[in-house]
Amino acid sequence: MRLLIDLRGQVHCLYGEAIDLAGLGALTIRRASRVEPDREGRWWVDLSPAGGPRLGPYRRRSAALAAEAAWVEARLFAAGPGPS
């Protein structure tokens, strides 16, 4: 799990349970995407909540989740968090 700590001491990351994030302080959790199947059982990633594209289709949900995580982390760690 990668953490980005900004100049104000705020921690930003793709949520996971590898560490207890509550130990860092009060949490604000926002949805970045949705991973859903279509009628044919193919998986799609909708990143519009984070201003991103629609990715897919993927044969497996695990592949869609991996694509979702890669996109979110690339955006977070490439540009850093926006203003709060």
N, C-alpha and C. Protein backbone atom coordinates (compact mmCIF):
# COMPACT_ATOMS: atom_id res chain seq x y z
N MET A 1 0.84 -1.17 0.00
CA MET A 1 0.00 0.00 0.00
C MET A 1 0.89 1.24 0.00
N ARG A 2 0.65 2.11 -0.96
CA ARG A 2 1.45 3.34 -1.08
C ARG A 2 0.68 4.49 -0.46
N LEU A 3 1.39 5.30 0.31
CA LEU A 3 0.80 6.47 0.95
C LEU A 3 1.47 7.72 0.42
N LEU A 4 0.70 8.76 0.17
CA LEU A 4 1.22 10.05 -0.23
C LEU A 4 0.88 11.02 0.89
N ILE A 5 1.89 11.64 1.48
CA ILE A 5 1.69 12.60 2.56
C ILE A 5 2.00 13.98 2.02
N ASP A 6 0.99 14.85 2.05
CA ASP A 6 1.18 16.19 1.48
C ASP A 6 1.84 17.12 2.50
N LEU A 7 2.09 18.34 2.09
CA LEU A 7 2.80 19.30 2.94
C LEU A 7 2.03 19.66 4.21
N ARG A 8 0.72 19.43 4.22
CA ARG A 8 -0.09 19.70 5.42
C ARG A 8 -0.15 18.49 6.33
N GLY A 9 0.48 17.40 5.94
CA GLY A 9 0.47 16.18 6.73
C GLY A 9 -0.71 15.28 6.45
N GLN A 10 -1.52 15.61 5.44
CA GLN A 10 -2.64 14.75 5.07
C GLN A 10 -2.14 13.57 4.26
N VAL A 11 -2.70 12.41 4.53
CA VAL A 11 -2.30 11.18 3.87
C VAL A 11 -3.35 10.84 2.80
N HIS A 12 -2.87 10.51 1.60
CA HIS A 12 -3.73 10.14 0.48
C HIS A 12 -3.29 8.77 -0.01
N CYS A 13 -4.28 7.92 -0.35
CA CYS A 13 -3.94 6.59 -0.85
C CYS A 13 -5.16 5.95 -1.49
N LEU A 14 -4.92 4.85 -2.18
CA LEU A 14 -5.99 3.99 -2.63
C LEU A 14 -6.34 3.13 -1.42
N TYR A 15 -7.60 3.20 -0.98
CA TYR A 15 -7.99 2.51 0.25
C TYR A 15 -7.71 1.02 0.17
N GLY A 16 -7.17 0.52 1.22
CA GLY A 16 -6.93 -0.91 1.36
C GLY A 16 -6.88 -1.24 2.84
N GLU A 17 -6.76 -2.51 3.14
CA GLU A 17 -6.74 -2.93 4.53
C GLU A 17 -5.38 -3.48 4.96
N ALA A 18 -4.32 -3.14 4.20
CA ALA A 18 -2.98 -3.61 4.54
C ALA A 18 -2.51 -3.03 5.86
N ILE A 19 -2.92 -1.80 6.14
CA ILE A 19 -2.64 -1.17 7.43
C ILE A 19 -3.94 -0.56 7.94
N ASP A 20 -4.01 -0.33 9.25
CA ASP A 20 -5.19 0.29 9.84
C ASP A 20 -5.08 1.80 9.65
N LEU A 21 -5.75 2.31 8.62
CA LEU A 21 -5.66 3.73 8.30
C LEU A 21 -6.23 4.62 9.40
N ALA A 22 -7.15 4.10 10.20
CA ALA A 22 -7.72 4.89 11.29
C ALA A 22 -6.64 5.27 12.31
N GLY A 23 -5.56 4.54 12.35
CA GLY A 23 -4.45 4.87 13.24
C GLY A 23 -3.74 6.16 12.84
N LEU A 24 -3.99 6.63 11.63
CA LEU A 24 -3.38 7.87 11.15
C LEU A 24 -4.21 9.10 11.48
N GLY A 25 -5.44 8.90 11.93
CA GLY A 25 -6.33 10.01 12.26
C GLY A 25 -7.69 9.83 11.62
N ALA A 26 -8.48 10.89 11.63
CA ALA A 26 -9.82 10.84 11.06
C ALA A 26 -9.75 10.56 9.56
N LEU A 27 -10.64 9.71 9.08
CA LEU A 27 -10.64 9.32 7.68
C LEU A 27 -11.71 10.05 6.88
N THR A 28 -11.39 10.39 5.65
CA THR A 28 -12.36 10.84 4.66
C THR A 28 -12.19 9.90 3.48
N ILE A 29 -13.22 9.12 3.19
CA ILE A 29 -13.14 8.13 2.12
C ILE A 29 -14.11 8.55 1.02
N ARG A 30 -13.58 8.61 -0.22
CA ARG A 30 -14.41 8.97 -1.38
C ARG A 30 -14.32 7.88 -2.42
N ARG A 31 -15.44 7.61 -3.07
CA ARG A 31 -15.48 6.62 -4.15
C ARG A 31 -14.80 7.20 -5.38
N ALA A 32 -13.89 6.43 -5.96
CA ALA A 32 -13.21 6.85 -7.18
C ALA A 32 -13.79 6.19 -8.42
N SER A 33 -14.47 5.06 -8.22
CA SER A 33 -14.97 4.32 -9.38
C SER A 33 -16.02 3.30 -8.98
N ARG A 34 -16.52 2.65 -10.00
CA ARG A 34 -17.43 1.52 -9.83
C ARG A 34 -16.97 0.41 -10.77
N VAL A 35 -16.98 -0.81 -10.27
CA VAL A 35 -16.64 -1.97 -11.08
C VAL A 35 -17.88 -2.85 -11.13
N GLU A 36 -18.45 -2.99 -12.33
CA GLU A 36 -19.72 -3.70 -12.49
C GLU A 36 -19.69 -4.59 -13.72
N PRO A 37 -20.45 -5.70 -13.68
CA PRO A 37 -20.56 -6.55 -14.87
C PRO A 37 -21.67 -6.04 -15.80
N ASP A 38 -21.54 -6.38 -17.08
CA ASP A 38 -22.61 -6.09 -18.02
C ASP A 38 -23.47 -7.35 -18.19
N ARG A 39 -24.42 -7.33 -19.08
CA ARG A 39 -25.34 -8.46 -19.27
C ARG A 39 -24.66 -9.71 -19.79
N GLU A 40 -23.50 -9.54 -20.42
CA GLU A 40 -22.75 -10.69 -20.94
C GLU A 40 -21.73 -11.22 -19.93
N GLY A 41 -21.68 -10.63 -18.74
CA GLY A 41 -20.74 -11.09 -17.72
C GLY A 41 -19.35 -10.50 -17.86
N ARG A 42 -19.19 -9.50 -18.72
CA ARG A 42 -17.91 -8.81 -18.85
C ARG A 42 -17.86 -7.70 -17.80
N TRP A 43 -16.68 -7.38 -17.32
CA TRP A 43 -16.51 -6.39 -16.25
C TRP A 43 -16.02 -5.06 -16.80
N TRP A 44 -16.61 -3.99 -16.30
CA TRP A 44 -16.28 -2.62 -16.70
C TRP A 44 -15.90 -1.81 -15.48
N VAL A 45 -14.96 -0.88 -15.68
CA VAL A 45 -14.56 0.06 -14.64
C VAL A 45 -15.04 1.45 -15.05
N ASP A 46 -15.87 2.05 -14.23
CA ASP A 46 -16.37 3.40 -14.47
C ASP A 46 -15.64 4.35 -13.52
N LEU A 47 -14.69 5.11 -14.05
CA LEU A 47 -13.89 6.03 -13.23
C LEU A 47 -14.44 7.45 -13.26
N SER A 48 -15.67 7.62 -13.72
CA SER A 48 -16.23 8.98 -13.80
C SER A 48 -16.33 9.68 -12.44
N PRO A 49 -16.54 8.98 -11.31
CA PRO A 49 -16.54 9.70 -10.03
C PRO A 49 -15.21 10.44 -9.75
N ALA A 50 -14.12 9.95 -10.35
CA ALA A 50 -12.80 10.58 -10.18
C ALA A 50 -12.41 11.39 -11.42
N GLY A 51 -13.36 11.62 -12.32
CA GLY A 51 -13.06 12.37 -13.53
C GLY A 51 -12.32 11.56 -14.57
N GLY A 52 -12.44 10.25 -14.50
CA GLY A 52 -11.69 9.40 -15.41
C GLY A 52 -12.55 8.71 -16.45
N PRO A 53 -11.93 7.82 -17.20
CA PRO A 53 -12.59 7.13 -18.32
C PRO A 53 -13.35 5.88 -17.87
N ARG A 54 -13.94 5.23 -18.82
CA ARG A 54 -14.53 3.91 -18.63
C ARG A 54 -13.54 2.91 -19.22
N LEU A 55 -13.17 1.91 -18.44
CA LEU A 55 -12.19 0.91 -18.87
C LEU A 55 -12.88 -0.44 -19.03
N GLY A 56 -12.44 -1.19 -20.03
CA GLY A 56 -12.96 -2.54 -20.19
C GLY A 56 -13.36 -2.79 -21.62
N PRO A 57 -13.93 -3.90 -21.87
CA PRO A 57 -14.38 -4.91 -20.91
C PRO A 57 -13.25 -5.86 -20.51
N TYR A 58 -13.43 -6.47 -19.34
CA TYR A 58 -12.50 -7.47 -18.81
C TYR A 58 -13.26 -8.77 -18.61
N ARG A 59 -12.61 -9.87 -18.86
CA ARG A 59 -13.25 -11.18 -18.66
C ARG A 59 -13.41 -11.50 -17.19
N ARG A 60 -12.48 -11.03 -16.39
CA ARG A 60 -12.51 -11.35 -14.96
C ARG A 60 -12.60 -10.08 -14.12
N ARG A 61 -13.33 -10.18 -13.04
CA ARG A 61 -13.46 -9.06 -12.12
C ARG A 61 -12.10 -8.65 -11.56
N SER A 62 -11.25 -9.63 -11.28
CA SER A 62 -9.93 -9.33 -10.73
C SER A 62 -9.11 -8.46 -11.69
N ALA A 63 -9.26 -8.69 -12.99
CA ALA A 63 -8.54 -7.87 -13.97
C ALA A 63 -9.09 -6.44 -13.98
N ALA A 64 -10.41 -6.30 -13.84
CA ALA A 64 -11.01 -4.97 -13.78
C ALA A 64 -10.56 -4.23 -12.52
N LEU A 65 -10.50 -4.94 -11.40
CA LEU A 65 -10.05 -4.32 -10.14
C LEU A 65 -8.59 -3.89 -10.24
N ALA A 66 -7.77 -4.70 -10.90
CA ALA A 66 -6.36 -4.35 -11.07
C ALA A 66 -6.22 -3.10 -11.96
N ALA A 67 -7.01 -3.01 -13.02
CA ALA A 67 -6.98 -1.84 -13.90
C ALA A 67 -7.45 -0.60 -13.15
N GLU A 68 -8.48 -0.76 -12.34
CA GLU A 68 -8.99 0.34 -11.51
C GLU A 68 -7.90 0.86 -10.58
N ALA A 69 -7.26 -0.03 -9.86
CA ALA A 69 -6.21 0.36 -8.91
C ALA A 69 -5.04 1.02 -9.63
N ALA A 70 -4.64 0.48 -10.77
CA ALA A 70 -3.52 1.06 -11.52
C ALA A 70 -3.83 2.48 -11.97
N TRP A 71 -5.05 2.72 -12.47
CA TRP A 71 -5.43 4.05 -12.93
C TRP A 71 -5.46 5.04 -11.77
N VAL A 72 -6.09 4.64 -10.67
CA VAL A 72 -6.21 5.54 -9.51
C VAL A 72 -4.83 5.87 -8.95
N GLU A 73 -3.99 4.87 -8.76
CA GLU A 73 -2.66 5.12 -8.20
C GLU A 73 -1.80 5.94 -9.15
N ALA A 74 -1.87 5.69 -10.44
CA ALA A 74 -1.08 6.47 -11.40
C ALA A 74 -1.48 7.94 -11.33
N ARG A 75 -2.76 8.19 -11.25
CA ARG A 75 -3.22 9.58 -11.17
C ARG A 75 -2.82 10.22 -9.85
N LEU A 76 -2.99 9.50 -8.75
CA LEU A 76 -2.65 10.04 -7.44
C LEU A 76 -1.16 10.35 -7.31
N PHE A 77 -0.32 9.41 -7.72
CA PHE A 77 1.11 9.58 -7.51
C PHE A 77 1.81 10.35 -8.61
N ALA A 78 1.17 10.53 -9.75
CA ALA A 78 1.77 11.33 -10.83
C ALA A 78 1.59 12.82 -10.57
N ALA A 79 0.39 13.20 -10.16
CA ALA A 79 0.08 14.62 -10.01
C ALA A 79 0.01 15.04 -8.56
N GLY A 80 -0.09 14.11 -7.64
CA GLY A 80 -0.30 14.45 -6.25
C GLY A 80 -1.75 14.84 -6.03
N PRO A 81 -2.18 14.91 -4.80
CA PRO A 81 -3.57 15.25 -4.53
C PRO A 81 -3.87 16.69 -4.87
N GLY A 82 -5.09 16.93 -5.25
CA GLY A 82 -5.52 18.30 -5.54
C GLY A 82 -5.75 19.06 -4.25
N PRO A 83 -6.12 20.33 -4.35
CA PRO A 83 -6.38 21.10 -3.15
C PRO A 83 -7.56 20.54 -2.39
N SER A 84 -7.52 20.63 -1.08
CA SER A 84 -8.62 20.12 -0.25
C SER A 84 -9.56 21.23 0.13
